[in-house]
Amino acid sequence: MFIIILINIAADIVGTAVTAASHVPFNAKSAKRIRGAPHGLQLIKNADKVANLTNDMLSDITTTVGGALGISIVVQIVKFGPAISQFWLNILVTALIAAMIVSGKAFSKKIALTHPDDVIFLVGRILAKVEETTGYSPFRKTRAPRNKRGE
């Protein structure tokens, strides 16, 4: 449950930071060939897509999954402790999940807006490490040849 909430908050941090980050320090870091800077620059260049993916899609999905996990926790508690009212337990667990998500997002907005370049640089370094390890890059475009000669 807490992992889902942390993913939700991290997605919100990235989505907010990418809209507030400046490309200028990333251009300078990329020129110095600092690992992660080109990935951070690509994130900033695609800020609308990144913010949509993280703030809207990923955050909404993890919120829904967190609510479903809360319901399953209530069912398990009621199953082993039948003296507890399921109605009030549902309200309590749902309120706790909502409070953790909302307060975490409120705190994360401050971090994302006060240090957007640092956040995006950290994400860029993580993406660079993933690319080094797996060879996969979310920014690399592969195109099929247009004709038989490969032109």
N, C-alpha and C. Protein backbone atom coordinates (compact mmCIF):
# COMPACT_ATOMS: atom_id res chain seq x y z
N MET A 1 0.82 -1.19 0.00
CA MET A 1 0.00 0.00 0.00
C MET A 1 0.87 1.25 0.00
N PHE A 2 1.88 1.27 0.88
CA PHE A 2 2.73 2.45 0.95
C PHE A 2 3.57 2.62 -0.31
N ILE A 3 3.95 1.52 -0.93
CA ILE A 3 4.70 1.60 -2.19
C ILE A 3 3.85 2.25 -3.28
N ILE A 4 2.59 1.88 -3.34
CA ILE A 4 1.68 2.47 -4.33
C ILE A 4 1.55 3.97 -4.08
N ILE A 5 1.41 4.37 -2.82
CA ILE A 5 1.28 5.78 -2.49
C ILE A 5 2.57 6.53 -2.81
N LEU A 6 3.73 5.90 -2.55
CA LEU A 6 5.01 6.55 -2.89
C LEU A 6 5.18 6.70 -4.39
N ILE A 7 4.75 5.72 -5.18
CA ILE A 7 4.80 5.84 -6.63
C ILE A 7 3.92 7.00 -7.08
N ASN A 8 2.75 7.11 -6.48
CA ASN A 8 1.83 8.20 -6.79
C ASN A 8 2.47 9.56 -6.53
N ILE A 9 3.09 9.70 -5.38
CA ILE A 9 3.72 10.97 -5.01
C ILE A 9 4.93 11.26 -5.90
N ALA A 10 5.74 10.23 -6.19
CA ALA A 10 6.90 10.42 -7.07
C ALA A 10 6.47 10.84 -8.46
N ALA A 11 5.41 10.25 -8.97
CA ALA A 11 4.90 10.62 -10.30
C ALA A 11 4.46 12.08 -10.30
N ASP A 12 3.83 12.51 -9.21
CA ASP A 12 3.39 13.90 -9.12
C ASP A 12 4.58 14.85 -9.05
N ILE A 13 5.63 14.46 -8.35
CA ILE A 13 6.83 15.29 -8.27
C ILE A 13 7.44 15.47 -9.66
N VAL A 14 7.58 14.38 -10.40
CA VAL A 14 8.19 14.44 -11.72
C VAL A 14 7.33 15.27 -12.67
N GLY A 15 6.03 15.04 -12.66
CA GLY A 15 5.14 15.77 -13.56
C GLY A 15 5.12 17.26 -13.30
N THR A 16 5.17 17.64 -12.04
CA THR A 16 5.18 19.06 -11.70
C THR A 16 6.54 19.69 -11.98
N ALA A 17 7.60 18.98 -11.65
CA ALA A 17 8.96 19.52 -11.85
C ALA A 17 9.29 19.71 -13.32
N VAL A 18 8.82 18.80 -14.16
CA VAL A 18 9.17 18.89 -15.58
C VAL A 18 8.52 20.12 -16.23
N THR A 19 7.39 20.55 -15.71
CA THR A 19 6.77 21.75 -16.26
C THR A 19 7.44 23.03 -15.76
N ALA A 20 8.13 22.96 -14.63
CA ALA A 20 8.78 24.14 -14.06
C ALA A 20 10.28 24.21 -14.35
N ALA A 21 10.87 23.14 -14.86
CA ALA A 21 12.32 23.10 -15.06
C ALA A 21 12.74 23.95 -16.27
N SER A 22 13.97 24.41 -16.21
CA SER A 22 14.55 25.21 -17.28
C SER A 22 15.53 24.35 -18.07
N HIS A 23 15.55 24.55 -19.37
CA HIS A 23 16.45 23.75 -20.21
C HIS A 23 17.87 24.28 -20.21
N VAL A 24 18.10 25.50 -19.76
CA VAL A 24 19.42 26.12 -19.82
C VAL A 24 20.49 25.32 -19.07
N PRO A 25 20.28 24.95 -17.80
CA PRO A 25 21.34 24.18 -17.13
C PRO A 25 21.56 22.81 -17.75
N PHE A 26 20.53 22.26 -18.36
CA PHE A 26 20.67 20.94 -18.99
C PHE A 26 21.44 21.03 -20.29
N ASN A 27 21.31 22.15 -21.01
CA ASN A 27 22.14 22.35 -22.20
C ASN A 27 23.61 22.41 -21.82
N ALA A 28 23.91 23.14 -20.74
CA ALA A 28 25.30 23.27 -20.29
C ALA A 28 25.84 21.92 -19.80
N LYS A 29 25.04 21.19 -19.04
CA LYS A 29 25.49 19.88 -18.55
C LYS A 29 25.65 18.88 -19.70
N SER A 30 24.78 18.97 -20.69
CA SER A 30 24.89 18.07 -21.85
C SER A 30 26.16 18.37 -22.63
N ALA A 31 26.51 19.65 -22.75
CA ALA A 31 27.73 20.03 -23.46
C ALA A 31 28.97 19.50 -22.74
N LYS A 32 28.90 19.41 -21.41
CA LYS A 32 30.01 18.87 -20.63
C LYS A 32 29.95 17.35 -20.54
N ARG A 33 28.96 16.75 -21.20
CA ARG A 33 28.76 15.29 -21.24
C ARG A 33 28.56 14.70 -19.84
N ILE A 34 27.76 15.36 -19.03
CA ILE A 34 27.42 14.85 -17.71
C ILE A 34 26.29 13.85 -17.87
N ARG A 35 26.50 12.66 -17.29
CA ARG A 35 25.53 11.58 -17.44
C ARG A 35 24.17 11.98 -16.87
N GLY A 36 23.13 11.77 -17.66
CA GLY A 36 21.77 12.07 -17.25
C GLY A 36 21.27 13.40 -17.77
N ALA A 37 22.17 14.30 -18.13
CA ALA A 37 21.74 15.61 -18.62
C ALA A 37 20.98 15.53 -19.94
N PRO A 38 21.44 14.73 -20.92
CA PRO A 38 20.66 14.64 -22.16
C PRO A 38 19.26 14.06 -21.93
N HIS A 39 19.16 13.13 -21.00
CA HIS A 39 17.85 12.55 -20.69
C HIS A 39 16.95 13.59 -20.03
N GLY A 40 17.51 14.38 -19.12
CA GLY A 40 16.75 15.45 -18.50
C GLY A 40 16.30 16.49 -19.51
N LEU A 41 17.17 16.79 -20.47
CA LEU A 41 16.82 17.74 -21.52
C LEU A 41 15.67 17.20 -22.37
N GLN A 42 15.71 15.91 -22.67
CA GLN A 42 14.62 15.30 -23.43
C GLN A 42 13.31 15.33 -22.64
N LEU A 43 13.40 15.12 -21.34
CA LEU A 43 12.20 15.22 -20.51
C LEU A 43 11.60 16.62 -20.58
N ILE A 44 12.45 17.64 -20.51
CA ILE A 44 11.97 19.02 -20.56
C ILE A 44 11.40 19.35 -21.93
N LYS A 45 12.06 18.88 -22.98
CA LYS A 45 11.55 19.14 -24.34
C LYS A 45 10.19 18.48 -24.56
N ASN A 46 9.93 17.39 -23.86
CA ASN A 46 8.65 16.68 -23.97
C ASN A 46 7.83 16.87 -22.70
N ALA A 47 7.91 18.06 -22.11
CA ALA A 47 7.28 18.33 -20.81
C ALA A 47 5.78 18.07 -20.83
N ASP A 48 5.11 18.43 -21.91
CA ASP A 48 3.66 18.22 -21.96
C ASP A 48 3.30 16.75 -21.91
N LYS A 49 4.04 15.94 -22.64
CA LYS A 49 3.77 14.50 -22.66
C LYS A 49 4.14 13.85 -21.33
N VAL A 50 5.28 14.26 -20.78
CA VAL A 50 5.74 13.70 -19.51
C VAL A 50 4.77 14.06 -18.38
N ALA A 51 4.34 15.32 -18.35
CA ALA A 51 3.40 15.74 -17.31
C ALA A 51 2.07 15.01 -17.46
N ASN A 52 1.62 14.84 -18.68
CA ASN A 52 0.37 14.11 -18.90
C ASN A 52 0.50 12.67 -18.43
N LEU A 53 1.60 12.02 -18.79
CA LEU A 53 1.81 10.63 -18.41
C LEU A 53 1.90 10.46 -16.90
N THR A 54 2.68 11.32 -16.25
CA THR A 54 2.90 11.14 -14.81
C THR A 54 1.77 11.69 -13.96
N ASN A 55 1.37 12.94 -14.23
CA ASN A 55 0.33 13.55 -13.39
C ASN A 55 -1.05 12.97 -13.63
N ASP A 56 -1.37 12.70 -14.86
CA ASP A 56 -2.72 12.23 -15.16
C ASP A 56 -2.83 10.71 -15.14
N MET A 57 -2.07 10.05 -15.97
CA MET A 57 -2.24 8.60 -16.10
C MET A 57 -1.69 7.84 -14.90
N LEU A 58 -0.41 7.97 -14.64
CA LEU A 58 0.22 7.18 -13.59
C LEU A 58 -0.35 7.51 -12.21
N SER A 59 -0.55 8.79 -11.96
CA SER A 59 -1.09 9.20 -10.66
C SER A 59 -2.52 8.69 -10.47
N ASP A 60 -3.34 8.78 -11.50
CA ASP A 60 -4.72 8.30 -11.39
C ASP A 60 -4.79 6.79 -11.22
N ILE A 61 -3.94 6.08 -11.94
CA ILE A 61 -3.93 4.62 -11.83
C ILE A 61 -3.51 4.20 -10.42
N THR A 62 -2.46 4.81 -9.89
CA THR A 62 -2.01 4.41 -8.56
C THR A 62 -3.02 4.81 -7.48
N THR A 63 -3.76 5.90 -7.69
CA THR A 63 -4.81 6.27 -6.75
C THR A 63 -5.91 5.22 -6.74
N THR A 64 -6.30 4.76 -7.92
CA THR A 64 -7.34 3.73 -8.03
C THR A 64 -6.87 2.42 -7.40
N VAL A 65 -5.64 2.04 -7.69
CA VAL A 65 -5.10 0.80 -7.12
C VAL A 65 -5.00 0.92 -5.60
N GLY A 66 -4.61 2.08 -5.10
CA GLY A 66 -4.55 2.30 -3.65
C GLY A 66 -5.92 2.15 -3.00
N GLY A 67 -6.96 2.67 -3.64
CA GLY A 67 -8.32 2.50 -3.12
C GLY A 67 -8.76 1.06 -3.12
N ALA A 68 -8.42 0.34 -4.19
CA ALA A 68 -8.77 -1.08 -4.25
C ALA A 68 -8.03 -1.88 -3.19
N LEU A 69 -6.77 -1.54 -2.96
CA LEU A 69 -6.02 -2.21 -1.90
C LEU A 69 -6.63 -1.91 -0.53
N GLY A 70 -7.10 -0.69 -0.35
CA GLY A 70 -7.75 -0.33 0.91
C GLY A 70 -8.99 -1.18 1.16
N ILE A 71 -9.77 -1.40 0.12
CA ILE A 71 -10.97 -2.23 0.26
C ILE A 71 -10.58 -3.67 0.61
N SER A 72 -9.53 -4.18 -0.04
CA SER A 72 -9.11 -5.55 0.27
C SER A 72 -8.58 -5.66 1.70
N ILE A 73 -7.94 -4.62 2.18
CA ILE A 73 -7.47 -4.62 3.57
C ILE A 73 -8.67 -4.67 4.52
N VAL A 74 -9.70 -3.89 4.22
CA VAL A 74 -10.90 -3.89 5.06
C VAL A 74 -11.55 -5.26 5.07
N VAL A 75 -11.64 -5.89 3.91
CA VAL A 75 -12.25 -7.23 3.83
C VAL A 75 -11.46 -8.22 4.68
N GLN A 76 -10.13 -8.16 4.62
CA GLN A 76 -9.30 -9.07 5.41
C GLN A 76 -9.46 -8.81 6.91
N ILE A 77 -9.55 -7.55 7.29
CA ILE A 77 -9.72 -7.24 8.72
C ILE A 77 -11.07 -7.74 9.22
N VAL A 78 -12.12 -7.50 8.44
CA VAL A 78 -13.46 -7.93 8.84
C VAL A 78 -13.55 -9.46 8.88
N LYS A 79 -12.83 -10.09 7.97
CA LYS A 79 -12.84 -11.57 7.91
C LYS A 79 -12.26 -12.17 9.20
N PHE A 80 -11.20 -11.54 9.73
CA PHE A 80 -10.55 -12.09 10.92
C PHE A 80 -11.03 -11.45 12.22
N GLY A 81 -11.73 -10.33 12.13
CA GLY A 81 -12.24 -9.67 13.33
C GLY A 81 -13.69 -9.26 13.09
N PRO A 82 -14.63 -10.19 13.15
CA PRO A 82 -16.01 -9.89 12.77
C PRO A 82 -16.72 -8.90 13.68
N ALA A 83 -16.17 -8.56 14.82
CA ALA A 83 -16.82 -7.62 15.72
C ALA A 83 -16.72 -6.18 15.22
N ILE A 84 -15.88 -5.93 14.22
CA ILE A 84 -15.66 -4.58 13.70
C ILE A 84 -16.68 -4.29 12.60
N SER A 85 -17.27 -3.11 12.65
CA SER A 85 -18.24 -2.70 11.63
C SER A 85 -17.53 -2.42 10.31
N GLN A 86 -17.93 -3.10 9.26
CA GLN A 86 -17.30 -2.94 7.96
C GLN A 86 -17.53 -1.53 7.41
N PHE A 87 -18.69 -0.97 7.63
CA PHE A 87 -19.01 0.36 7.13
C PHE A 87 -18.03 1.41 7.68
N TRP A 88 -17.87 1.45 8.98
CA TRP A 88 -17.00 2.44 9.59
C TRP A 88 -15.53 2.17 9.29
N LEU A 89 -15.17 0.92 9.19
CA LEU A 89 -13.80 0.57 8.84
C LEU A 89 -13.48 1.01 7.41
N ASN A 90 -14.45 0.83 6.51
CA ASN A 90 -14.28 1.30 5.13
C ASN A 90 -14.03 2.81 5.10
N ILE A 91 -14.82 3.54 5.85
CA ILE A 91 -14.67 4.99 5.89
C ILE A 91 -13.31 5.37 6.45
N LEU A 92 -12.89 4.72 7.53
CA LEU A 92 -11.61 5.02 8.17
C LEU A 92 -10.44 4.74 7.23
N VAL A 93 -10.42 3.58 6.60
CA VAL A 93 -9.30 3.21 5.71
C VAL A 93 -9.27 4.13 4.49
N THR A 94 -10.44 4.41 3.92
CA THR A 94 -10.49 5.30 2.76
C THR A 94 -10.01 6.69 3.12
N ALA A 95 -10.40 7.18 4.29
CA ALA A 95 -9.96 8.50 4.74
C ALA A 95 -8.45 8.53 4.97
N LEU A 96 -7.89 7.47 5.54
CA LEU A 96 -6.45 7.41 5.76
C LEU A 96 -5.67 7.40 4.44
N ILE A 97 -6.15 6.61 3.49
CA ILE A 97 -5.48 6.56 2.18
C ILE A 97 -5.55 7.92 1.50
N ALA A 98 -6.74 8.52 1.51
CA ALA A 98 -6.90 9.84 0.88
C ALA A 98 -6.02 10.88 1.56
N ALA A 99 -5.95 10.84 2.88
CA ALA A 99 -5.12 11.81 3.61
C ALA A 99 -3.65 11.65 3.27
N MET A 100 -3.18 10.41 3.18
CA MET A 100 -1.77 10.18 2.84
C MET A 100 -1.46 10.66 1.43
N ILE A 101 -2.35 10.38 0.49
CA ILE A 101 -2.11 10.78 -0.90
C ILE A 101 -2.16 12.30 -1.04
N VAL A 102 -3.18 12.93 -0.49
CA VAL A 102 -3.34 14.38 -0.63
C VAL A 102 -2.21 15.13 0.08
N SER A 103 -1.88 14.73 1.29
CA SER A 103 -0.80 15.42 2.00
C SER A 103 0.55 15.17 1.35
N GLY A 104 0.76 13.96 0.85
CA GLY A 104 2.01 13.66 0.13
C GLY A 104 2.14 14.48 -1.14
N LYS A 105 1.05 14.63 -1.86
CA LYS A 105 1.09 15.44 -3.08
C LYS A 105 1.29 16.92 -2.76
N ALA A 106 0.68 17.40 -1.71
CA ALA A 106 0.86 18.80 -1.33
C ALA A 106 2.32 19.08 -0.97
N PHE A 107 2.93 18.18 -0.22
CA PHE A 107 4.33 18.32 0.14
C PHE A 107 5.22 18.19 -1.10
N SER A 108 4.86 17.27 -2.00
CA SER A 108 5.68 17.04 -3.19
C SER A 108 5.64 18.22 -4.15
N LYS A 109 4.53 18.93 -4.20
CA LYS A 109 4.44 20.10 -5.08
C LYS A 109 5.47 21.15 -4.68
N LYS A 110 5.65 21.34 -3.38
CA LYS A 110 6.62 22.32 -2.91
C LYS A 110 8.03 21.92 -3.33
N ILE A 111 8.37 20.64 -3.18
CA ILE A 111 9.69 20.15 -3.60
C ILE A 111 9.87 20.34 -5.10
N ALA A 112 8.86 19.95 -5.86
CA ALA A 112 8.96 20.01 -7.31
C ALA A 112 9.07 21.45 -7.83
N LEU A 113 8.41 22.38 -7.17
CA LEU A 113 8.44 23.77 -7.64
C LEU A 113 9.65 24.55 -7.13
N THR A 114 10.24 24.13 -6.01
CA THR A 114 11.41 24.84 -5.51
C THR A 114 12.72 24.28 -6.08
N HIS A 115 12.72 23.01 -6.47
CA HIS A 115 13.94 22.38 -7.01
C HIS A 115 13.63 21.57 -8.28
N PRO A 116 13.03 22.19 -9.29
CA PRO A 116 12.64 21.40 -10.47
C PRO A 116 13.83 20.85 -11.26
N ASP A 117 14.90 21.64 -11.37
CA ASP A 117 16.06 21.18 -12.13
C ASP A 117 16.74 20.00 -11.45
N ASP A 118 16.82 20.03 -10.13
CA ASP A 118 17.43 18.92 -9.39
C ASP A 118 16.61 17.64 -9.54
N VAL A 119 15.29 17.78 -9.49
CA VAL A 119 14.41 16.62 -9.62
C VAL A 119 14.56 16.00 -11.01
N ILE A 120 14.54 16.84 -12.04
CA ILE A 120 14.63 16.33 -13.41
C ILE A 120 16.02 15.77 -13.68
N PHE A 121 17.05 16.36 -13.10
CA PHE A 121 18.40 15.80 -13.27
C PHE A 121 18.50 14.42 -12.63
N LEU A 122 17.89 14.25 -11.46
CA LEU A 122 17.87 12.94 -10.81
C LEU A 122 17.13 11.91 -11.69
N VAL A 123 15.99 12.30 -12.21
CA VAL A 123 15.24 11.39 -13.10
C VAL A 123 16.06 11.10 -14.36
N GLY A 124 16.75 12.11 -14.89
CA GLY A 124 17.60 11.90 -16.06
C GLY A 124 18.72 10.92 -15.77
N ARG A 125 19.31 11.01 -14.59
CA ARG A 125 20.37 10.06 -14.22
C ARG A 125 19.82 8.64 -14.09
N ILE A 126 18.61 8.53 -13.54
CA ILE A 126 17.98 7.20 -13.43
C ILE A 126 17.71 6.64 -14.82
N LEU A 127 17.19 7.47 -15.72
CA LEU A 127 16.93 7.00 -17.09
C LEU A 127 18.22 6.63 -17.80
N ALA A 128 19.31 7.38 -17.55
CA ALA A 128 20.60 7.04 -18.15
C ALA A 128 21.10 5.69 -17.65
N LYS A 129 20.92 5.44 -16.37
CA LYS A 129 21.34 4.15 -15.79
C LYS A 129 20.51 3.01 -16.37
N VAL A 130 19.21 3.23 -16.52
CA VAL A 130 18.34 2.21 -17.13
C VAL A 130 18.78 1.94 -18.56
N GLU A 131 19.12 2.99 -19.30
CA GLU A 131 19.56 2.82 -20.68
C GLU A 131 20.89 2.07 -20.75
N GLU A 132 21.81 2.38 -19.84
CA GLU A 132 23.09 1.68 -19.82
C GLU A 132 22.91 0.20 -19.49
N THR A 133 22.00 -0.09 -18.57
CA THR A 133 21.79 -1.47 -18.12
C THR A 133 21.02 -2.30 -19.14
N THR A 134 19.93 -1.73 -19.65
CA THR A 134 19.04 -2.51 -20.52
C THR A 134 19.20 -2.22 -22.00
N GLY A 135 19.74 -1.05 -22.33
CA GLY A 135 19.82 -0.66 -23.74
C GLY A 135 18.56 0.01 -24.24
N TYR A 136 17.55 0.13 -23.38
CA TYR A 136 16.29 0.76 -23.77
C TYR A 136 16.31 2.25 -23.45
N SER A 137 15.89 3.06 -24.41
CA SER A 137 15.75 4.49 -24.20
C SER A 137 14.35 4.91 -24.64
N PRO A 138 13.60 5.59 -23.79
CA PRO A 138 12.27 6.02 -24.19
C PRO A 138 12.29 7.14 -25.23
N PHE A 139 13.46 7.72 -25.49
CA PHE A 139 13.55 8.84 -26.42
C PHE A 139 14.08 8.45 -27.79
N ARG A 140 14.64 7.27 -27.92
CA ARG A 140 15.21 6.85 -29.19
C ARG A 140 14.08 6.47 -30.14
N LYS A 141 14.11 7.05 -31.33
CA LYS A 141 13.10 6.73 -32.33
C LYS A 141 13.72 5.81 -33.37
N THR A 142 13.08 4.68 -33.55
CA THR A 142 13.53 3.77 -34.60
C THR A 142 12.48 3.78 -35.70
N ARG A 143 12.94 3.98 -36.91
CA ARG A 143 12.03 4.05 -38.03
C ARG A 143 12.35 2.95 -39.02
N ALA A 144 11.32 2.40 -39.57
CA ALA A 144 11.50 1.35 -40.58
C ALA A 144 11.90 2.01 -41.90
N PRO A 145 12.70 1.31 -42.70
CA PRO A 145 13.05 1.87 -44.01
C PRO A 145 11.79 2.05 -44.88
N ARG A 146 11.84 3.07 -45.72
CA ARG A 146 10.68 3.38 -46.55
C ARG A 146 10.54 2.46 -47.75
N ASN A 147 11.66 1.98 -48.26
CA ASN A 147 11.58 1.08 -49.40
C ASN A 147 12.57 -0.06 -49.22
N LYS A 148 12.67 -0.90 -50.22
CA LYS A 148 13.52 -2.10 -50.09
C LYS A 148 15.00 -1.78 -49.98
N ARG A 149 15.43 -0.64 -50.52
CA ARG A 149 16.83 -0.28 -50.47
C ARG A 149 17.24 0.37 -49.16
N GLY A 150 16.27 0.63 -48.27
CA GLY A 150 16.59 1.19 -46.97
C GLY A 150 16.64 2.71 -46.98
N GLU A 151 16.09 3.33 -48.00
CA GLU A 151 16.11 4.79 -48.08
C GLU A 151 14.87 5.39 -47.51
